[in-house]
C-alpha atoms as a PDB file:
ATOM      1  CA  MET A   1     117.007  56.529 -41.353  1.00  0.00           C
ATOM      2  CA  SER A   2     116.752  56.438 -45.149  1.00  0.00           C
ATOM      3  CA  LYS A   3     119.653  57.880 -47.113  1.00  0.00           C
ATOM      4  CA  LEU A   4     119.036  59.012 -50.697  1.00  0.00           C
ATOM      5  CA  ILE A   5     122.028  59.471 -53.011  1.00  0.00           C
ATOM      6  CA  LEU A   6     121.476  61.724 -56.036  1.00  0.00           C
ATOM      7  CA  ILE A   7     124.314  61.375 -58.569  1.00  0.00           C
ATOM      8  CA  ASP A   8     125.153  63.962 -61.230  1.00  0.00           C
ATOM      9  CA  GLY A   9     125.809  61.499 -64.063  1.00  0.00           C
ATOM     10  CA  ASN A  10     127.263  64.011 -66.509  1.00  0.00           C
ATOM     11  CA  ALA A  11     129.650  65.578 -64.002  1.00  0.00           C
ATOM     12  CA  ILE A  12     131.029  62.241 -62.778  1.00  0.00           C
ATOM     13  CA  LEU A  13     131.367  60.740 -66.275  1.00  0.00           C
ATOM     14  CA  HIS A  14     133.215  63.842 -67.497  1.00  0.00           C
ATOM     15  CA  ARG A  15     135.533  63.728 -64.488  1.00  0.00           C
ATOM     16  CA  ALA A  16     136.199  60.008 -65.014  1.00  0.00           C
ATOM     17  CA  TYR A  17     136.914  60.533 -68.719  1.00  0.00           C
ATOM     18  CA  HIS A  18     139.587  63.153 -68.017  1.00  0.00           C
ATOM     19  CA  ALA A  19     141.017  61.482 -64.900  1.00  0.00           C
ATOM     20  CA  LEU A  20     141.726  58.015 -66.309  1.00  0.00           C
ATOM     21  CA  PRO A  21     143.786  56.729 -69.254  1.00  0.00           C
ATOM     22  CA  PRO A  22     141.881  55.448 -72.314  1.00  0.00           C
ATOM     23  CA  LEU A  23     140.377  51.973 -71.981  1.00  0.00           C
ATOM     24  CA  THR A  24     138.590  49.891 -74.628  1.00  0.00           C
ATOM     25  CA  SER A  25     136.387  46.806 -74.564  1.00  0.00           C
ATOM     26  CA  LYS A  26     137.050  43.584 -76.478  1.00  0.00           C
ATOM     27  CA  LYS A  27     135.109  45.128 -79.363  1.00  0.00           C
ATOM     28  CA  GLY A  28     137.328  48.217 -79.335  1.00  0.00           C
ATOM     29  CA  GLU A  29     134.697  50.587 -77.934  1.00  0.00           C
ATOM     30  CA  PRO A  30     135.900  53.219 -75.420  1.00  0.00           C
ATOM     31  CA  ILE A  31     134.844  52.363 -71.848  1.00  0.00           C
ATOM     32  CA  GLY A  32     137.344  54.236 -69.622  1.00  0.00           C
ATOM     33  CA  ALA A  33     134.826  56.843 -68.434  1.00  0.00           C
ATOM     34  CA  VAL A  34     132.300  54.101 -67.637  1.00  0.00           C
ATOM     35  CA  TYR A  35     134.964  52.226 -65.651  1.00  0.00           C
ATOM     36  CA  GLY A  36     135.738  55.363 -63.627  1.00  0.00           C
ATOM     37  CA  PHE A  37     132.054  56.146 -63.170  1.00  0.00           C
ATOM     38  CA  ILE A  38     131.361  52.672 -61.753  1.00  0.00           C
ATOM     39  CA  SER A  39     134.441  52.878 -59.519  1.00  0.00           C
ATOM     40  CA  MET A  40     133.121  56.138 -58.100  1.00  0.00           C
ATOM     41  CA  LEU A  41     129.652  54.646 -57.643  1.00  0.00           C
ATOM     42  CA  LEU A  42     131.077  51.663 -55.729  1.00  0.00           C
ATOM     43  CA  ARG A  43     133.061  53.995 -53.503  1.00  0.00           C
ATOM     44  CA  VAL A  44     129.921  56.030 -52.822  1.00  0.00           C
ATOM     45  CA  VAL A  45     128.013  52.872 -51.894  1.00  0.00           C
ATOM     46  CA  GLN A  46     130.796  51.697 -49.571  1.00  0.00           C
ATOM     47  CA  ASP A  47     131.485  55.069 -47.933  1.00  0.00           C
ATOM     48  CA  LEU A  48     127.990  56.546 -47.693  1.00  0.00           C
ATOM     49  CA  LYS A  49     125.881  53.370 -47.370  1.00  0.00           C
ATOM     50  CA  PRO A  50     122.765  54.629 -49.173  1.00  0.00           C
ATOM     51  CA  THR A  51     119.364  53.000 -48.949  1.00  0.00           C
ATOM     52  CA  HIS A  52     118.158  54.721 -52.139  1.00  0.00           C
ATOM     53  CA  ILE A  53     120.028  55.835 -55.287  1.00  0.00           C
ATOM     54  CA  THR A  54     119.106  57.757 -58.457  1.00  0.00           C
ATOM     55  CA  VAL A  55     121.223  59.297 -61.231  1.00  0.00           C
ATOM     56  CA  ALA A  56     120.443  62.441 -63.252  1.00  0.00           C
ATOM     57  CA  PHE A  57     121.728  63.298 -66.734  1.00  0.00           C
ATOM     58  CA  ASP A  58     121.693  66.282 -69.087  1.00  0.00           C
ATOM     59  CA  THR A  59     119.967  65.983 -72.455  1.00  0.00           C
ATOM     60  CA  ALA A  60     121.342  67.014 -75.841  1.00  0.00           C
ATOM     61  CA  LYS A  61     118.740  69.783 -76.198  1.00  0.00           C
ATOM     62  CA  PRO A  62     119.448  73.412 -75.212  1.00  0.00           C
ATOM     63  CA  THR A  63     118.270  74.401 -71.741  1.00  0.00           C
ATOM     64  CA  PHE A  64     116.296  77.442 -70.634  1.00  0.00           C
ATOM     65  CA  ARG A  65     119.664  78.977 -69.679  1.00  0.00           C
ATOM     66  CA  HIS A  66     120.848  78.837 -73.297  1.00  0.00           C
ATOM     67  CA  VAL A  67     117.625  80.563 -74.297  1.00  0.00           C
ATOM     68  CA  ALA A  68     118.074  83.259 -71.644  1.00  0.00           C
ATOM     69  CA  TYR A  69     121.714  83.876 -72.571  1.00  0.00           C
ATOM     70  CA  VAL A  70     123.164  82.873 -75.937  1.00  0.00           C
ATOM     71  CA  GLY A  71     126.710  82.811 -74.519  1.00  0.00           C
ATOM     72  CA  TYR A  72     125.896  80.311 -71.790  1.00  0.00           C
ATOM     73  CA  GLN A  73     128.638  77.617 -71.812  1.00  0.00           C
ATOM     74  CA  ALA A  74     129.516  78.765 -75.349  1.00  0.00           C
ATOM     75  CA  GLN A  75     133.253  78.432 -74.691  1.00  0.00           C
ATOM     76  CA  ARG A  76     133.016  74.729 -73.899  1.00  0.00           C
ATOM     77  CA  PRO A  77     134.250  72.327 -76.585  1.00  0.00           C
ATOM     78  CA  ARG A  78     131.830  69.790 -77.990  1.00  0.00           C
ATOM     79  CA  VAL A  79     131.761  66.467 -76.159  1.00  0.00           C
ATOM     80  CA  ASP A  80     134.341  64.054 -77.594  1.00  0.00           C
ATOM     81  CA  SER A  81     132.726  61.226 -79.524  1.00  0.00           C
ATOM     82  CA  GLU A  82     134.721  58.774 -77.380  1.00  0.00           C
ATOM     83  CA  LEU A  83     133.025  60.177 -74.272  1.00  0.00           C
ATOM     84  CA  GLY A  84     129.614  60.674 -75.861  1.00  0.00           C
ATOM     85  CA  SER A  85     129.325  57.009 -76.796  1.00  0.00           C
ATOM     86  CA  GLN A  86     129.890  55.981 -73.168  1.00  0.00           C
ATOM     87  CA  PHE A  87     126.747  57.630 -71.807  1.00  0.00           C
ATOM     88  CA  LYS A  88     124.626  54.869 -73.311  1.00  0.00           C
ATOM     89  CA  ILE A  89     126.845  52.183 -71.751  1.00  0.00           C
ATOM     90  CA  ALA A  90     126.743  53.925 -68.369  1.00  0.00           C
ATOM     91  CA  LYS A  91     122.952  53.974 -68.479  1.00  0.00           C
ATOM     92  CA  GLU A  92     122.926  50.258 -69.376  1.00  0.00           C
ATOM     93  CA  VAL A  93     125.092  49.564 -66.325  1.00  0.00           C
ATOM     94  CA  LEU A  94     122.798  51.604 -64.073  1.00  0.00           C
ATOM     95  CA  GLU A  95     119.778  49.775 -65.474  1.00  0.00           C
ATOM     96  CA  SER A  96     121.492  46.449 -64.667  1.00  0.00           C
ATOM     97  CA  PHE A  97     121.950  47.665 -61.076  1.00  0.00           C
ATOM     98  CA  GLY A  98     118.279  48.631 -60.875  1.00  0.00           C
ATOM     99  CA  ILE A  99     119.184  52.303 -60.314  1.00  0.00           C
ATOM    100  CA  PRO A 100     116.626  54.740 -61.807  1.00  0.00           C
ATOM    101  CA  THR A 101     117.892  57.494 -64.133  1.00  0.00           C
ATOM    102  CA  PHE A 102     116.275  60.849 -64.873  1.00  0.00           C
ATOM    103  CA  ALA A 103     116.633  63.608 -67.473  1.00  0.00           C
ATOM    104  CA  ALA A 104     114.405  66.468 -68.623  1.00  0.00           C
ATOM    105  CA  PRO A 105     114.666  68.328 -71.967  1.00  0.00           C
ATOM    106  CA  GLY A 106     115.288  72.033 -71.426  1.00  0.00           C
ATOM    107  CA  PHE A 107     116.952  71.505 -68.051  1.00  0.00           C
ATOM    108  CA  GLU A 108     120.339  70.429 -66.711  1.00  0.00           C
ATOM    109  CA  ALA A 109     121.058  67.471 -64.462  1.00  0.00           C
ATOM    110  CA  ASP A 110     121.485  70.057 -61.659  1.00  0.00           C
ATOM    111  CA  ASP A 111     117.827  71.040 -61.989  1.00  0.00           C
ATOM    112  CA  VAL A 112     116.700  67.416 -62.069  1.00  0.00           C
ATOM    113  CA  ILE A 113     118.679  66.760 -58.877  1.00  0.00           C
ATOM    114  CA  GLY A 114     117.227  69.847 -57.204  1.00  0.00           C
ATOM    115  CA  THR A 115     113.723  68.678 -58.098  1.00  0.00           C
ATOM    116  CA  LEU A 116     114.270  65.109 -56.895  1.00  0.00           C
ATOM    117  CA  ALA A 117     115.719  66.404 -53.613  1.00  0.00           C
ATOM    118  CA  PHE A 118     112.738  68.712 -53.116  1.00  0.00           C
ATOM    119  CA  GLN A 119     110.290  65.918 -53.860  1.00  0.00           C
ATOM    120  CA  ALA A 120     112.062  63.496 -51.526  1.00  0.00           C
ATOM    121  CA  LEU A 121     111.950  65.969 -48.653  1.00  0.00           C
ATOM    122  CA  THR A 122     108.331  66.997 -49.189  1.00  0.00           C
ATOM    123  CA  ILE A 123     106.744  63.694 -50.204  1.00  0.00           C
ATOM    124  CA  ASN A 124     108.689  61.264 -48.024  1.00  0.00           C
ATOM    125  CA  HIS A 125     107.571  61.435 -44.386  1.00  0.00           C
ATOM    126  CA  GLN A 126     110.323  59.173 -43.034  1.00  0.00           C
ATOM    127  CA  PRO A 127     113.523  60.585 -41.494  1.00  0.00           C
ATOM    128  CA  LEU A 128     115.733  61.211 -44.519  1.00  0.00           C
ATOM    129  CA  GLU A 129     119.264  62.308 -45.379  1.00  0.00           C
ATOM    130  CA  ILE A 130     120.144  63.354 -48.927  1.00  0.00           C
ATOM    131  CA  ILE A 131     123.658  63.342 -50.369  1.00  0.00           C
ATOM    132  CA  ILE A 132     124.336  64.782 -53.828  1.00  0.00           C
ATOM    133  CA  VAL A 133     127.357  63.357 -55.656  1.00  0.00           C
ATOM    134  CA  THR A 134     128.791  65.842 -58.145  1.00  0.00           C
ATOM    135  CA  GLY A 135     131.828  67.815 -59.230  1.00  0.00           C
ATOM    136  CA  ASP A 136     129.662  70.892 -59.921  1.00  0.00           C
ATOM    137  CA  ARG A 137     129.869  73.649 -57.292  1.00  0.00           C
ATOM    138  CA  ASP A 138     126.500  75.059 -58.411  1.00  0.00           C
ATOM    139  CA  LEU A 139     124.836  72.312 -56.392  1.00  0.00           C
ATOM    140  CA  LEU A 140     126.343  73.607 -53.148  1.00  0.00           C
ATOM    141  CA  GLN A 141     123.360  75.978 -53.034  1.00  0.00           C
ATOM    142  CA  LEU A 142     121.154  72.974 -52.147  1.00  0.00           C
ATOM    143  CA  VAL A 143     123.022  72.180 -48.936  1.00  0.00           C
ATOM    144  CA  ASP A 144     120.884  72.417 -45.791  1.00  0.00           C
ATOM    145  CA  GLU A 145     120.228  70.490 -42.578  1.00  0.00           C
ATOM    146  CA  LYS A 146     119.124  67.372 -44.481  1.00  0.00           C
ATOM    147  CA  THR A 147     121.175  67.732 -47.674  1.00  0.00           C
ATOM    148  CA  LYS A 148     124.934  67.483 -48.206  1.00  0.00           C
ATOM    149  CA  VAL A 149     127.168  67.400 -51.279  1.00  0.00           C
ATOM    150  CA  TYR A 150     129.849  64.727 -51.799  1.00  0.00           C
ATOM    151  CA  MET A 151     132.378  66.211 -54.207  1.00  0.00           C
ATOM    152  CA  PRO A 152     135.531  64.714 -55.760  1.00  0.00           C
ATOM    153  CA  ILE A 153     138.443  67.024 -54.978  1.00  0.00           C
ATOM    154  CA  LYS A 154     141.253  65.363 -56.921  1.00  0.00           C
ATOM    155  CA  GLY A 155     140.543  62.990 -59.795  1.00  0.00           C
ATOM    156  CA  LEU A 156     138.330  60.179 -58.536  1.00  0.00           C
ATOM    157  CA  THR A 157     140.328  59.262 -55.446  1.00  0.00           C
ATOM    158  CA  ASP A 158     139.826  62.118 -52.989  1.00  0.00           C
ATOM    159  CA  ALA A 159     136.358  63.412 -52.114  1.00  0.00           C
ATOM    160  CA  LYS A 160     134.920  65.758 -49.509  1.00  0.00           C
ATOM    161  CA  LEU A 161     131.486  65.913 -47.897  1.00  0.00           C
ATOM    162  CA  PHE A 162     130.122  69.460 -47.858  1.00  0.00           C
ATOM    163  CA  GLY A 163     127.691  70.590 -45.188  1.00  0.00           C
ATOM    164  CA  LYS A 164     126.930  74.218 -44.416  1.00  0.00           C
ATOM    165  CA  ASP A 165     130.254  74.843 -42.608  1.00  0.00           C
ATOM    166  CA  GLU A 166     132.265  73.417 -45.506  1.00  0.00           C
ATOM    167  CA  VAL A 167     130.398  75.595 -48.022  1.00  0.00           C
ATOM    168  CA  VAL A 168     131.150  78.698 -45.960  1.00  0.00           C
ATOM    169  CA  GLU A 169     134.788  77.612 -45.690  1.00  0.00           C
ATOM    170  CA  ARG A 170     135.049  77.104 -49.469  1.00  0.00           C
ATOM    171  CA  LEU A 171     133.095  80.133 -50.767  1.00  0.00           C
ATOM    172  CA  GLY A 172     132.738  82.494 -47.820  1.00  0.00           C
ATOM    173  CA  VAL A 173     128.919  82.535 -47.995  1.00  0.00           C
ATOM    174  CA  ASN A 174     126.060  80.334 -46.785  1.00  0.00           C
ATOM    175  CA  PRO A 175     124.629  77.722 -49.188  1.00  0.00           C
ATOM    176  CA  GLU A 176     121.472  79.736 -49.888  1.00  0.00           C
ATOM    177  CA  GLN A 177     123.684  82.723 -50.811  1.00  0.00           C
ATOM    178  CA  VAL A 178     125.715  80.875 -53.453  1.00  0.00           C
ATOM    179  CA  VAL A 179     123.425  82.254 -56.186  1.00  0.00           C
ATOM    180  CA  ASP A 180     123.912  85.813 -54.879  1.00  0.00           C
ATOM    181  CA  TYR A 181     127.673  85.268 -54.866  1.00  0.00           C
ATOM    182  CA  LYS A 182     127.636  84.013 -58.468  1.00  0.00           C
ATOM    183  CA  ALA A 183     125.350  86.867 -59.510  1.00  0.00           C
ATOM    184  CA  LEU A 184     128.173  89.309 -58.765  1.00  0.00           C
ATOM    185  CA  VAL A 185     131.289  87.198 -59.355  1.00  0.00           C
ATOM    186  CA  GLY A 186     129.978  85.190 -62.325  1.00  0.00           C
ATOM    187  CA  ASP A 187     131.047  81.701 -63.334  1.00  0.00           C
ATOM    188  CA  GLN A 188     133.886  81.311 -65.824  1.00  0.00           C
ATOM    189  CA  SER A 189     133.109  77.635 -66.452  1.00  0.00           C
ATOM    190  CA  ASP A 190     129.563  78.531 -67.559  1.00  0.00           C
ATOM    191  CA  ASN A 191     130.731  81.677 -69.388  1.00  0.00           C
ATOM    192  CA  TYR A 192     128.789  84.401 -67.576  1.00  0.00           C
ATOM    193  CA  SER A 193     130.610  87.331 -66.042  1.00  0.00           C
ATOM    194  CA  GLY A 194     128.585  88.765 -63.170  1.00  0.00           C
ATOM    195  CA  VAL A 195     129.377  92.437 -62.439  1.00  0.00           C
ATOM    196  CA  SER A 196     132.570  93.967 -63.800  1.00  0.00           C
ATOM    197  CA  GLY A 197     134.840  95.422 -61.142  1.00  0.00           C
ATOM    198  CA  VAL A 198     133.305  93.448 -58.261  1.00  0.00           C
ATOM    199  CA  GLY A 199     135.532  90.603 -57.093  1.00  0.00           C
ATOM    200  CA  PRO A 200     135.082  87.718 -54.641  1.00  0.00           C
ATOM    201  CA  LYS A 201     136.274  89.580 -51.514  1.00  0.00           C
ATOM    202  CA  THR A 202     134.012  92.559 -52.136  1.00  0.00           C
ATOM    203  CA  THR A 203     131.118  90.239 -52.954  1.00  0.00           C
ATOM    204  CA  ILE A 204     131.537  88.288 -49.718  1.00  0.00           C
ATOM    205  CA  SER A 205     131.612  91.486 -47.639  1.00  0.00           C
ATOM    206  CA  LEU A 206     128.474  92.781 -49.386  1.00  0.00           C
ATOM    207  CA  ILE A 207     126.626  89.517 -48.805  1.00  0.00           C
ATOM    208  CA  GLU A 208     127.757  89.408 -45.168  1.00  0.00           C
ATOM    209  CA  LYS A 209     126.273  92.886 -44.651  1.00  0.00           C
ATOM    210  CA  TYR A 210     123.121  92.751 -46.794  1.00  0.00           C
ATOM    211  CA  GLY A 211     122.358  89.045 -47.229  1.00  0.00           C
ATOM    212  CA  THR A 212     121.036  88.902 -50.799  1.00  0.00           C
ATOM    213  CA  LEU A 213     121.582  90.497 -54.205  1.00  0.00           C
ATOM    214  CA  GLU A 214     118.252  92.291 -53.967  1.00  0.00           C
ATOM    215  CA  GLU A 215     119.137  93.862 -50.606  1.00  0.00           C
ATOM    216  CA  ILE A 216     122.531  94.945 -51.924  1.00  0.00           C
ATOM    217  CA  TYR A 217     120.825  96.837 -54.747  1.00  0.00           C
ATOM    218  CA  LYS A 218     118.505  98.549 -52.279  1.00  0.00           C
ATOM    219  CA  HIS A 219     121.552 100.068 -50.572  1.00  0.00           C
ATOM    220  CA  LEU A 220     123.643 101.307 -53.503  1.00  0.00           C
ATOM    221  CA  GLY A 221     123.534 104.826 -52.053  1.00  0.00           C
ATOM    222  CA  ASP A 222     125.262 103.592 -48.890  1.00  0.00           C
ATOM    223  CA  LEU A 223     128.237 102.159 -50.771  1.00  0.00           C
ATOM    224  CA  PRO A 224     131.483 103.826 -51.896  1.00  0.00           C
ATOM    225  CA  GLU A 225     130.863 105.793 -55.082  1.00  0.00           C
ATOM    226  CA  LYS A 226     132.921 103.619 -57.443  1.00  0.00           C
ATOM    227  CA  LEU A 227     131.479 100.359 -56.106  1.00  0.00           C
ATOM    228  CA  GLY A 228     127.952 101.698 -56.281  1.00  0.00           C
ATOM    229  CA  LYS A 229     128.548 102.841 -59.857  1.00  0.00           C
ATOM    230  CA  ASN A 230     129.920  99.438 -60.903  1.00  0.00           C
ATOM    231  CA  LEU A 231     126.924  97.688 -59.372  1.00  0.00           C
ATOM    232  CA  ALA A 232     124.463 100.088 -60.984  1.00  0.00           C
ATOM    233  CA  GLN A 233     126.024  99.627 -64.413  1.00  0.00           C
ATOM    234  CA  GLY A 234     126.074  95.856 -63.958  1.00  0.00           C
ATOM    235  CA  ALA A 235     122.539  95.473 -62.588  1.00  0.00           C
ATOM    236  CA  GLU A 236     121.197  93.701 -65.663  1.00  0.00           C
ATOM    237  CA  ASN A 237     124.140  91.288 -65.742  1.00  0.00           C
ATOM    238  CA  ALA A 238     123.730  90.575 -62.034  1.00  0.00           C
ATOM    239  CA  GLY A 239     120.060  89.685 -62.437  1.00  0.00           C
ATOM    240  CA  LEU A 240     120.771  87.450 -65.418  1.00  0.00           C
ATOM    241  CA  SER A 241     123.691  85.777 -63.670  1.00  0.00           C
ATOM    242  CA  LYS A 242     121.564  84.962 -60.634  1.00  0.00           C
ATOM    243  CA  LYS A 243     118.923  83.398 -62.904  1.00  0.00           C
ATOM    244  CA  LEU A 244     121.585  81.303 -64.649  1.00  0.00           C
ATOM    245  CA  ALA A 245     123.103  80.190 -61.339  1.00  0.00           C
ATOM    246  CA  THR A 246     119.833  79.211 -59.656  1.00  0.00           C
ATOM    247  CA  VAL A 247     119.004  75.491 -59.607  1.00  0.00           C
ATOM    248  CA  VAL A 248     115.362  74.953 -60.595  1.00  0.00           C
ATOM    249  CA  CYS A 249     113.414  72.625 -58.295  1.00  0.00           C
ATOM    250  CA  ASP A 250     110.181  72.122 -60.254  1.00  0.00           C
ATOM    251  CA  VAL A 251     111.362  70.166 -63.297  1.00  0.00           C
ATOM    252  CA  PRO A 252     108.773  67.773 -64.840  1.00  0.00           C
ATOM    253  CA  VAL A 253     110.158  64.558 -63.330  1.00  0.00           C
ATOM    254  CA  THR A 254     108.678  62.382 -60.593  1.00  0.00           C
ATOM    255  CA  LEU A 255     110.646  60.508 -57.954  1.00  0.00           C
ATOM    256  CA  ASP A 256     109.482  56.964 -57.221  1.00  0.00           C
ATOM    257  CA  PHE A 257     111.067  56.667 -53.788  1.00  0.00           C
ATOM    258  CA  GLU A 258     110.280  52.971 -53.421  1.00  0.00           C
ATOM    259  CA  LYS A 259     111.846  52.140 -56.796  1.00  0.00           C
ATOM    260  CA  ALA A 260     114.980  54.109 -55.880  1.00  0.00           C
ATOM    261  CA  GLY A 261     115.464  51.681 -52.985  1.00  0.00           C
ATOM    262  CA  LYS A 262     115.404  48.475 -55.043  1.00  0.00           C
ATOM    263  CA  TRP A 263     118.915  48.644 -56.502  1.00  0.00           C
ATOM    264  CA  LYS A 264     121.293  45.658 -56.369  1.00  0.00           C
ATOM    265  CA  ILE A 265     124.951  46.105 -57.270  1.00  0.00           C
ATOM    266  CA  ASP A 266     125.757  42.425 -57.848  1.00  0.00           C
ATOM    267  CA  SER A 267     122.685  41.472 -59.873  1.00  0.00           C
ATOM    268  CA  LYS A 268     123.019  38.677 -62.447  1.00  0.00           C
ATOM    269  CA  LYS A 269     122.308  41.211 -65.168  1.00  0.00           C
ATOM    270  CA  ALA A 270     125.186  43.409 -63.983  1.00  0.00           C
ATOM    271  CA  LEU A 271     127.626  40.496 -63.784  1.00  0.00           C
ATOM    272  CA  THR A 272     126.708  39.439 -67.320  1.00  0.00           C
ATOM    273  CA  LEU A 273     127.210  42.978 -68.640  1.00  0.00           C
ATOM    274  CA  PHE A 274     130.548  43.336 -66.840  1.00  0.00           C
ATOM    275  CA  ALA A 275     131.777  40.096 -68.398  1.00  0.00           C
ATOM    276  CA  LYS A 276     130.826  41.466 -71.804  1.00  0.00           C
ATOM    277  CA  LEU A 277     132.714  44.723 -71.141  1.00  0.00           C
ATOM    278  CA  GLY A 278     135.744  42.912 -69.711  1.00  0.00           C
ATOM    279  CA  PHE A 279     135.507  44.529 -66.273  1.00  0.00           C
ATOM    280  CA  LYS A 280     137.237  41.722 -64.340  1.00  0.00           C
ATOM    281  CA  THR A 281     138.491  43.883 -61.461  1.00  0.00           C
ATOM    282  CA  LEU A 282     135.158  45.655 -61.131  1.00  0.00           C
ATOM    283  CA  THR A 283     133.356  42.304 -61.151  1.00  0.00           C
ATOM    284  CA  LYS A 284     135.308  41.294 -58.031  1.00  0.00           C
ATOM    285  CA  ARG A 285     134.530  44.634 -56.434  1.00  0.00           C
ATOM    286  CA  ILE A 286     130.783  44.502 -57.058  1.00  0.00           C
ATOM    287  CA  LYS A 287     130.648  40.975 -55.638  1.00  0.00           C
ATOM    288  CA  ASN A 288     132.469  42.129 -52.508  1.00  0.00           C
ATOM    289  CA  VAL A 289     130.399  45.293 -52.155  1.00  0.00           C
ATOM    290  CA  GLY A 290     127.191  43.401 -52.885  1.00  0.00           C
ATOM    291  CA  GLY A 291     128.020  40.835 -50.206  1.00  0.00           C
ATOM    292  CA  GLN A 292     128.725  43.555 -47.646  1.00  0.00           C
ATOM    293  CA  ILE A 293     125.421  45.273 -48.457  1.00  0.00           C
ATOM    294  CA  ASP A 294     123.474  42.041 -48.094  1.00  0.00           C
ATOM    295  CA  LYS A 295     125.062  41.402 -44.672  1.00  0.00           C
ATOM    296  CA  GLU A 296     124.260  44.954 -43.548  1.00  0.00           C
ATOM    297  CA  LYS A 297     120.641  44.583 -44.678  1.00  0.00           C
ATOM    298  CA  GLN A 298     120.333  41.268 -42.818  1.00  0.00           C
ATOM    299  CA  MET A 299     121.820  42.803 -39.645  1.00  0.00           C
ATOM    300  CA  SER A 300     119.373  45.717 -39.863  1.00  0.00           C
ATOM    301  CA  LEU A 301     116.481  43.229 -39.756  1.00  0.00           C
ATOM    302  CA  ILE A 302     117.697  41.503 -36.585  1.00  0.00           C
END
């Protein structure tokens, strides 16, 4: 069975930047986030054993969410220059591995990942498992029978694989109801509030009974007076919040499934780049991981 790994490049680089101490190359350029990103990638390759890999990134341009709501992510500080400069290096490393990268102006990496997952499941006729690697809980809405989310829990060392049961355990709702949950509760990290006076416990009970945001609003007259009033007053916010929370799956990108399967961790190009960056420990790791992968591929052909 093919296994496609879709990595949220922005989320993992940000996590690596804040989880690890500063590190510089021989030239004095910051490379700590890149080091952490590669470490995470190698762990993913070892633990999940993918046959295909792609990485998605945000772009610098505003997304449709910023257009829909001026306050979207407005509270977030600008990206540190020391982190910003490492995106280019990370993409050079991925290129040296032969791992395709994707981005789409006007959309987030989440939307690119949602689109690539949709394309993989609809275009590829082989048995397929998809695993999304991210620190962003928004992507839990994509979990289904063929799609899971691999999420770092603490720094870059501990990670958890989320299927449907794990999503329910974490949020109290099914994956496809994550957007309905966020429509009412909001998302502090993205700076949208949902419906005032409606908390997580109430939201979960409403979703358990009615299933979706739209069905909840069809039954306002059946709810306690205060709750019904809060929901009625917050109807516009709820609709906007659901739009902001929903991952778009028709972004203008195209998955080349065959190309996504031609990656090689220990390529000569990668080893040369690692020597330039001074990644001695990582060089040993990619040689070891690369050797293991080659053996596994040979065994699969026997």
